[in-house]
C-alpha atoms as a PDB file:
ATOM      1  CA  UNK A   1      16.814 -13.148 -17.864  1.00  0.00           C
ATOM      2  CA  UNK A   2      13.667 -13.587 -19.976  1.00  0.00           C
ATOM      3  CA  UNK A   3      10.250 -12.246 -19.026  1.00  0.00           C
ATOM      4  CA  UNK A   4       9.044 -15.834 -18.615  1.00  0.00           C
ATOM      5  CA  UNK A   5      11.817 -16.619 -16.133  1.00  0.00           C
ATOM      6  CA  UNK A   6      11.077 -13.466 -14.176  1.00  0.00           C
ATOM      7  CA  UNK A   7       7.488 -14.546 -13.786  1.00  0.00           C
ATOM      8  CA  UNK A   8       8.377 -17.873 -12.132  1.00  0.00           C
ATOM      9  CA  UNK A   9      10.599 -18.593  -9.108  1.00  0.00           C
ATOM     10  CA  UNK A  10      10.467 -22.373  -9.460  1.00  0.00           C
ATOM     11  CA  UNK A  11       8.362 -25.070 -11.071  1.00  0.00           C
ATOM     12  CA  UNK A  12       7.614 -26.473  -7.620  1.00  0.00           C
ATOM     13  CA  UNK A  13       6.131 -23.174  -6.455  1.00  0.00           C
ATOM     14  CA  UNK A  14       4.007 -23.042  -9.585  1.00  0.00           C
ATOM     15  CA  UNK A  15       2.754 -26.571  -8.912  1.00  0.00           C
ATOM     16  CA  UNK A  16       2.228 -26.061  -5.168  1.00  0.00           C
ATOM     17  CA  UNK A  17       0.832 -22.538  -5.140  1.00  0.00           C
ATOM     18  CA  UNK A  18       0.061 -21.578  -8.735  1.00  0.00           C
ATOM     19  CA  UNK A  19       2.670 -18.839  -8.348  1.00  0.00           C
ATOM     20  CA  UNK A  20       3.207 -16.921 -11.589  1.00  0.00           C
ATOM     21  CA  UNK A  21       4.041 -13.223 -11.386  1.00  0.00           C
ATOM     22  CA  UNK A  22       2.507 -10.678 -13.747  1.00  0.00           C
ATOM     23  CA  UNK A  23       5.074  -9.104 -16.070  1.00  0.00           C
ATOM     24  CA  UNK A  24       5.800  -5.381 -15.790  1.00  0.00           C
ATOM     25  CA  UNK A  25       4.373  -4.591 -19.232  1.00  0.00           C
ATOM     26  CA  UNK A  26       1.053  -6.225 -18.382  1.00  0.00           C
ATOM     27  CA  UNK A  27       0.979  -4.553 -14.970  1.00  0.00           C
ATOM     28  CA  UNK A  28       1.299  -1.101 -16.524  1.00  0.00           C
ATOM     29  CA  UNK A  29      -1.283  -1.865 -19.194  1.00  0.00           C
ATOM     30  CA  UNK A  30      -3.829  -3.089 -16.639  1.00  0.00           C
ATOM     31  CA  UNK A  31      -3.298  -0.115 -14.352  1.00  0.00           C
ATOM     32  CA  UNK A  32      -3.674   2.234 -17.300  1.00  0.00           C
ATOM     33  CA  UNK A  33      -7.278   1.040 -17.446  1.00  0.00           C
ATOM     34  CA  UNK A  34      -7.748   2.848 -14.122  1.00  0.00           C
ATOM     35  CA  UNK A  35      -5.078   5.460 -14.760  1.00  0.00           C
ATOM     36  CA  UNK A  36      -6.772   8.322 -12.925  1.00  0.00           C
ATOM     37  CA  UNK A  37      -7.421   6.244  -9.798  1.00  0.00           C
ATOM     38  CA  UNK A  38      -3.908   4.787  -9.817  1.00  0.00           C
ATOM     39  CA  UNK A  39      -2.440   8.290  -9.654  1.00  0.00           C
ATOM     40  CA  UNK A  40      -4.710   9.685  -6.947  1.00  0.00           C
ATOM     41  CA  UNK A  41      -3.148   9.868  -3.491  1.00  0.00           C
ATOM     42  CA  UNK A  42      -6.200   8.703  -1.546  1.00  0.00           C
ATOM     43  CA  UNK A  43      -7.609   6.038  -3.863  1.00  0.00           C
ATOM     44  CA  UNK A  44      -7.240   2.719  -2.051  1.00  0.00           C
ATOM     45  CA  UNK A  45      -5.906  -0.420  -3.708  1.00  0.00           C
ATOM     46  CA  UNK A  46      -5.902  -3.969  -2.320  1.00  0.00           C
ATOM     47  CA  UNK A  47      -4.070  -6.838  -4.035  1.00  0.00           C
ATOM     48  CA  UNK A  48      -5.328 -10.076  -2.402  1.00  0.00           C
ATOM     49  CA  UNK A  49      -2.483 -12.149  -3.862  1.00  0.00           C
ATOM     50  CA  UNK A  50       0.221  -9.511  -4.068  1.00  0.00           C
ATOM     51  CA  UNK A  51       3.242 -11.789  -4.499  1.00  0.00           C
ATOM     52  CA  UNK A  52       6.393  -9.695  -4.427  1.00  0.00           C
ATOM     53  CA  UNK A  53       4.431  -6.537  -5.182  1.00  0.00           C
ATOM     54  CA  UNK A  54       4.528  -6.015  -8.947  1.00  0.00           C
ATOM     55  CA  UNK A  55       1.165  -4.235  -9.017  1.00  0.00           C
ATOM     56  CA  UNK A  56       1.632  -2.399  -5.722  1.00  0.00           C
ATOM     57  CA  UNK A  57       5.084  -1.108  -6.693  1.00  0.00           C
ATOM     58  CA  UNK A  58       3.742   0.375  -9.928  1.00  0.00           C
ATOM     59  CA  UNK A  59       0.814   1.951  -8.074  1.00  0.00           C
ATOM     60  CA  UNK A  60       3.153   3.487  -5.500  1.00  0.00           C
ATOM     61  CA  UNK A  61       5.383   4.869  -8.278  1.00  0.00           C
ATOM     62  CA  UNK A  62       2.419   6.673  -9.783  1.00  0.00           C
ATOM     63  CA  UNK A  63       1.191   7.979  -6.471  1.00  0.00           C
ATOM     64  CA  UNK A  64       4.632   9.244  -5.434  1.00  0.00           C
ATOM     65  CA  UNK A  65       4.918  11.113  -8.727  1.00  0.00           C
ATOM     66  CA  UNK A  66       1.629  12.773  -7.842  1.00  0.00           C
ATOM     67  CA  UNK A  67       2.943  13.547  -4.359  1.00  0.00           C
ATOM     68  CA  UNK A  68       5.984  15.384  -5.686  1.00  0.00           C
ATOM     69  CA  UNK A  69       3.946  17.244  -8.317  1.00  0.00           C
ATOM     70  CA  UNK A  70       1.529  18.507  -5.666  1.00  0.00           C
ATOM     71  CA  UNK A  71       4.439  19.729  -3.537  1.00  0.00           C
ATOM     72  CA  UNK A  72       5.943  21.983  -6.218  1.00  0.00           C
ATOM     73  CA  UNK A  73       5.992  25.579  -5.033  1.00  0.00           C
ATOM     74  CA  UNK A  74       7.100  27.365  -8.216  1.00  0.00           C
ATOM     75  CA  UNK A  75       6.119  27.143 -11.864  1.00  0.00           C
ATOM     76  CA  UNK A  76       9.569  26.503 -13.265  1.00  0.00           C
ATOM     77  CA  UNK A  77       9.936  23.316 -15.269  1.00  0.00           C
ATOM     78  CA  UNK A  78      13.717  23.565 -15.518  1.00  0.00           C
ATOM     79  CA  UNK A  79      14.354  24.374 -11.847  1.00  0.00           C
ATOM     80  CA  UNK A  80      11.345  23.212  -9.850  1.00  0.00           C
ATOM     81  CA  UNK A  81      11.287  23.708  -6.105  1.00  0.00           C
ATOM     82  CA  UNK A  82       9.357  21.506  -3.719  1.00  0.00           C
ATOM     83  CA  UNK A  83       7.959  21.941  -0.215  1.00  0.00           C
ATOM     84  CA  UNK A  84       9.361  19.037   1.750  1.00  0.00           C
ATOM     85  CA  UNK A  85       6.694  18.972   4.463  1.00  0.00           C
ATOM     86  CA  UNK A  86       3.920  18.847   1.851  1.00  0.00           C
ATOM     87  CA  UNK A  87       5.667  16.056  -0.027  1.00  0.00           C
ATOM     88  CA  UNK A  88       6.218  14.031   3.155  1.00  0.00           C
ATOM     89  CA  UNK A  89       2.564  14.151   4.092  1.00  0.00           C
ATOM     90  CA  UNK A  90       1.419  13.334   0.566  1.00  0.00           C
ATOM     91  CA  UNK A  91       3.883  10.454   0.279  1.00  0.00           C
ATOM     92  CA  UNK A  92       2.551   8.971   3.522  1.00  0.00           C
ATOM     93  CA  UNK A  93      -1.029   9.343   2.253  1.00  0.00           C
ATOM     94  CA  UNK A  94       0.023   7.507  -0.911  1.00  0.00           C
ATOM     95  CA  UNK A  95       1.652   4.650   0.985  1.00  0.00           C
ATOM     96  CA  UNK A  96      -1.184   4.325   3.496  1.00  0.00           C
ATOM     97  CA  UNK A  97      -3.667   3.715   0.665  1.00  0.00           C
ATOM     98  CA  UNK A  98      -1.939   0.543  -0.602  1.00  0.00           C
ATOM     99  CA  UNK A  99      -2.830  -2.882   0.829  1.00  0.00           C
ATOM    100  CA  UNK A 100      -1.820  -6.441   0.070  1.00  0.00           C
ATOM    101  CA  UNK A 101      -2.283 -10.036   1.217  1.00  0.00           C
ATOM    102  CA  UNK A 102       0.308 -12.705   0.456  1.00  0.00           C
ATOM    103  CA  UNK A 103       0.369 -16.337   1.528  1.00  0.00           C
ATOM    104  CA  UNK A 104       4.115 -16.998   1.216  1.00  0.00           C
ATOM    105  CA  UNK A 105       6.304 -15.346   3.847  1.00  0.00           C
ATOM    106  CA  UNK A 106       9.290 -14.714   1.563  1.00  0.00           C
ATOM    107  CA  UNK A 107       7.088 -12.981  -0.997  1.00  0.00           C
ATOM    108  CA  UNK A 108       5.446 -10.886   1.709  1.00  0.00           C
ATOM    109  CA  UNK A 109       8.818  -9.752   3.058  1.00  0.00           C
ATOM    110  CA  UNK A 110      10.071  -8.975  -0.454  1.00  0.00           C
ATOM    111  CA  UNK A 111       6.929  -6.978  -1.236  1.00  0.00           C
ATOM    112  CA  UNK A 112       7.356  -4.838   1.870  1.00  0.00           C
ATOM    113  CA  UNK A 113      11.048  -4.364   1.108  1.00  0.00           C
ATOM    114  CA  UNK A 114      10.435  -3.311  -2.501  1.00  0.00           C
ATOM    115  CA  UNK A 115       7.782  -0.799  -1.498  1.00  0.00           C
ATOM    116  CA  UNK A 116       9.945   0.645   1.276  1.00  0.00           C
ATOM    117  CA  UNK A 117      12.986   0.906  -1.007  1.00  0.00           C
ATOM    118  CA  UNK A 118      10.950   2.680  -3.665  1.00  0.00           C
ATOM    119  CA  UNK A 119       9.504   5.067  -1.078  1.00  0.00           C
ATOM    120  CA  UNK A 120      12.925   5.854   0.399  1.00  0.00           C
ATOM    121  CA  UNK A 121      14.711   6.299  -2.925  1.00  0.00           C
ATOM    122  CA  UNK A 122      12.001   8.573  -4.310  1.00  0.00           C
ATOM    123  CA  UNK A 123      12.134  10.683  -1.141  1.00  0.00           C
ATOM    124  CA  UNK A 124      15.932  10.914  -1.190  1.00  0.00           C
ATOM    125  CA  UNK A 125      16.035  11.801  -4.883  1.00  0.00           C
ATOM    126  CA  UNK A 126      14.282  15.117  -4.186  1.00  0.00           C
ATOM    127  CA  UNK A 127      15.452  16.111  -0.703  1.00  0.00           C
ATOM    128  CA  UNK A 128      18.970  16.079   0.723  1.00  0.00           C
ATOM    129  CA  UNK A 129      17.974  16.161   4.391  1.00  0.00           C
ATOM    130  CA  UNK A 130      15.415  13.456   4.968  1.00  0.00           C
ATOM    131  CA  UNK A 131      13.390  13.030   8.132  1.00  0.00           C
ATOM    132  CA  UNK A 132      13.981   9.596   9.660  1.00  0.00           C
ATOM    133  CA  UNK A 133      10.528   9.751  11.293  1.00  0.00           C
ATOM    134  CA  UNK A 134       8.992   9.696   7.824  1.00  0.00           C
ATOM    135  CA  UNK A 135      10.840   6.475   7.030  1.00  0.00           C
ATOM    136  CA  UNK A 136       9.842   4.987  10.385  1.00  0.00           C
ATOM    137  CA  UNK A 137       6.201   5.786   9.641  1.00  0.00           C
ATOM    138  CA  UNK A 138       6.513   4.264   6.174  1.00  0.00           C
ATOM    139  CA  UNK A 139       7.973   1.068   7.613  1.00  0.00           C
ATOM    140  CA  UNK A 140       5.181   0.888  10.184  1.00  0.00           C
ATOM    141  CA  UNK A 141       2.463   1.320   7.567  1.00  0.00           C
ATOM    142  CA  UNK A 142       3.913  -1.409   5.370  1.00  0.00           C
ATOM    143  CA  UNK A 143       3.956  -3.857   8.269  1.00  0.00           C
ATOM    144  CA  UNK A 144       0.282  -3.096   8.849  1.00  0.00           C
ATOM    145  CA  UNK A 145      -0.947  -2.895   5.266  1.00  0.00           C
ATOM    146  CA  UNK A 146       0.930  -5.820   3.688  1.00  0.00           C
ATOM    147  CA  UNK A 147      -0.362  -8.913   5.478  1.00  0.00           C
ATOM    148  CA  UNK A 148       1.099 -12.414   5.475  1.00  0.00           C
ATOM    149  CA  UNK A 149      -2.132 -14.376   5.211  1.00  0.00           C
ATOM    150  CA  UNK A 150      -4.601 -16.319   3.112  1.00  0.00           C
ATOM    151  CA  UNK A 151      -7.052 -14.256   1.076  1.00  0.00           C
ATOM    152  CA  UNK A 152      -9.235 -17.329   0.510  1.00  0.00           C
ATOM    153  CA  UNK A 153     -10.004 -18.121   4.149  1.00  0.00           C
ATOM    154  CA  UNK A 154      -9.625 -14.438   5.145  1.00  0.00           C
ATOM    155  CA  UNK A 155      -7.180 -15.263   7.967  1.00  0.00           C
ATOM    156  CA  UNK A 156      -3.565 -14.483   8.730  1.00  0.00           C
ATOM    157  CA  UNK A 157      -1.017 -17.236   9.236  1.00  0.00           C
ATOM    158  CA  UNK A 158      -1.783 -17.439  12.968  1.00  0.00           C
ATOM    159  CA  UNK A 159      -5.398 -18.327  12.156  1.00  0.00           C
ATOM    160  CA  UNK A 160      -6.805 -14.973  13.233  1.00  0.00           C
ATOM    161  CA  UNK A 161      -9.082 -12.901  10.998  1.00  0.00           C
ATOM    162  CA  UNK A 162      -7.174 -10.493   8.767  1.00  0.00           C
ATOM    163  CA  UNK A 163      -7.513  -6.945  10.041  1.00  0.00           C
ATOM    164  CA  UNK A 164      -6.843  -3.865   7.942  1.00  0.00           C
ATOM    165  CA  UNK A 165      -6.549  -0.299   9.168  1.00  0.00           C
ATOM    166  CA  UNK A 166      -8.002   2.769   7.523  1.00  0.00           C
ATOM    167  CA  UNK A 167      -5.718   5.803   7.822  1.00  0.00           C
ATOM    168  CA  UNK A 168      -7.412   9.183   7.449  1.00  0.00           C
ATOM    169  CA  UNK A 169      -5.867  12.617   7.854  1.00  0.00           C
ATOM    170  CA  UNK A 170      -8.211  14.790   9.882  1.00  0.00           C
ATOM    171  CA  UNK A 171      -5.910  17.834   9.807  1.00  0.00           C
ATOM    172  CA  UNK A 172      -2.596  18.790   8.225  1.00  0.00           C
ATOM    173  CA  UNK A 173      -0.662  16.604  10.637  1.00  0.00           C
ATOM    174  CA  UNK A 174      -3.121  14.467  12.600  1.00  0.00           C
ATOM    175  CA  UNK A 175      -4.170  11.031  11.428  1.00  0.00           C
ATOM    176  CA  UNK A 176      -7.072   8.838  12.528  1.00  0.00           C
ATOM    177  CA  UNK A 177      -6.783   5.048  12.495  1.00  0.00           C
ATOM    178  CA  UNK A 178      -9.779   2.698  12.367  1.00  0.00           C
ATOM    179  CA  UNK A 179      -9.504  -1.090  12.239  1.00  0.00           C
ATOM    180  CA  UNK A 180     -11.778  -3.338  10.182  1.00  0.00           C
ATOM    181  CA  UNK A 181     -12.042  -7.109   9.886  1.00  0.00           C
ATOM    182  CA  UNK A 182     -11.330  -7.947   6.270  1.00  0.00           C
ATOM    183  CA  UNK A 183     -14.101 -10.550   6.136  1.00  0.00           C
ATOM    184  CA  UNK A 184     -16.658  -7.863   6.945  1.00  0.00           C
ATOM    185  CA  UNK A 185     -15.505  -5.875   3.927  1.00  0.00           C
ATOM    186  CA  UNK A 186     -15.732  -8.656   1.352  1.00  0.00           C
ATOM    187  CA  UNK A 187     -18.158 -11.324   2.562  1.00  0.00           C
ATOM    188  CA  UNK A 188     -21.113 -11.923   0.253  1.00  0.00           C
ATOM    189  CA  UNK A 189     -24.642 -12.814   1.346  1.00  0.00           C
ATOM    190  CA  UNK A 190     -26.801 -14.620  -1.208  1.00  0.00           C
ATOM    191  CA  UNK A 191     -24.129 -13.816  -3.794  1.00  0.00           C
ATOM    192  CA  UNK A 192     -24.650 -10.074  -3.278  1.00  0.00           C
ATOM    193  CA  UNK A 193     -21.671  -7.963  -2.305  1.00  0.00           C
ATOM    194  CA  UNK A 194     -21.835  -5.490   0.600  1.00  0.00           C
ATOM    195  CA  UNK A 195     -21.463  -2.608  -1.850  1.00  0.00           C
ATOM    196  CA  UNK A 196     -24.513  -3.708  -3.817  1.00  0.00           C
ATOM    197  CA  UNK A 197     -26.685  -3.819  -0.709  1.00  0.00           C
ATOM    198  CA  UNK A 198     -25.470  -0.468   0.550  1.00  0.00           C
ATOM    199  CA  UNK A 199     -23.887  -2.185   3.565  1.00  0.00           C
ATOM    200  CA  UNK A 200     -21.321  -0.149   5.454  1.00  0.00           C
ATOM    201  CA  UNK A 201     -18.829  -2.197   7.445  1.00  0.00           C
ATOM    202  CA  UNK A 202     -18.506  -1.363  11.127  1.00  0.00           C
ATOM    203  CA  UNK A 203     -15.013  -0.796  12.379  1.00  0.00           C
ATOM    204  CA  UNK A 204     -13.875  -2.877  15.346  1.00  0.00           C
ATOM    205  CA  UNK A 205     -11.620  -0.281  16.933  1.00  0.00           C
ATOM    206  CA  UNK A 206     -10.975   3.453  16.864  1.00  0.00           C
ATOM    207  CA  UNK A 207      -7.673   5.000  17.875  1.00  0.00           C
ATOM    208  CA  UNK A 208      -7.103   8.479  19.192  1.00  0.00           C
ATOM    209  CA  UNK A 209      -5.858  10.879  16.507  1.00  0.00           C
ATOM    210  CA  UNK A 210      -2.100  11.155  16.514  1.00  0.00           C
ATOM    211  CA  UNK A 211       0.589  13.065  14.635  1.00  0.00           C
ATOM    212  CA  UNK A 212       1.280  11.013  11.537  1.00  0.00           C
ATOM    213  CA  UNK A 213       5.017  10.922  12.272  1.00  0.00           C
ATOM    214  CA  UNK A 214       4.284   9.278  15.622  1.00  0.00           C
ATOM    215  CA  UNK A 215       2.127   6.443  14.301  1.00  0.00           C
ATOM    216  CA  UNK A 216       4.698   3.815  15.216  1.00  0.00           C
ATOM    217  CA  UNK A 217       4.452   4.896  18.856  1.00  0.00           C
ATOM    218  CA  UNK A 218       0.759   4.018  18.993  1.00  0.00           C
ATOM    219  CA  UNK A 219       1.551   0.341  19.421  1.00  0.00           C
ATOM    220  CA  UNK A 220       4.351  -2.084  18.844  1.00  0.00           C
ATOM    221  CA  UNK A 221       4.388  -3.670  15.403  1.00  0.00           C
END
């Protein structure tokens, strides 16, 4: 299959939605422009038209490589050893920092699936005994962070404002969730962005800190 074919699902989707996916080579080249940020665990990325996740998958790859590097507990290059608990936390930090909005439901589902598969396979490639709670947390985060909605009108497909959660570790195991309305983060006044005015968005809800492996118990997805 040619690169051109991979970038298009159908001519109708191109005509109806302008859907053309960015090729892998271009994705890597663009992310190399922000190479340091794309490899940092806590640097947040939002793709407002994420499609099936080409950009987000590459970002997660880079972040997971950082997660495993930071978990190495010896200096051997031939026989490295890794602390599983450290990796698990770092991998969750990496995943929690990635956000996307996608209008088409099939693309949104595929994006979540690709990110989850990458997360799981990377985890399993380094550790024989995986913790199912880590995978449950990863699945939960993807359902929260990858939104089926319209980035132009700032609403989800039910017509409600898009809400994103900020996930912040406040200790080695405890995580704090705060919800923000997406519109409050991006809306411009007199063509000036909130960042330029020094505006700090107010969160709409705080949650009690919880063990990061119990995030999915905080509410039903």
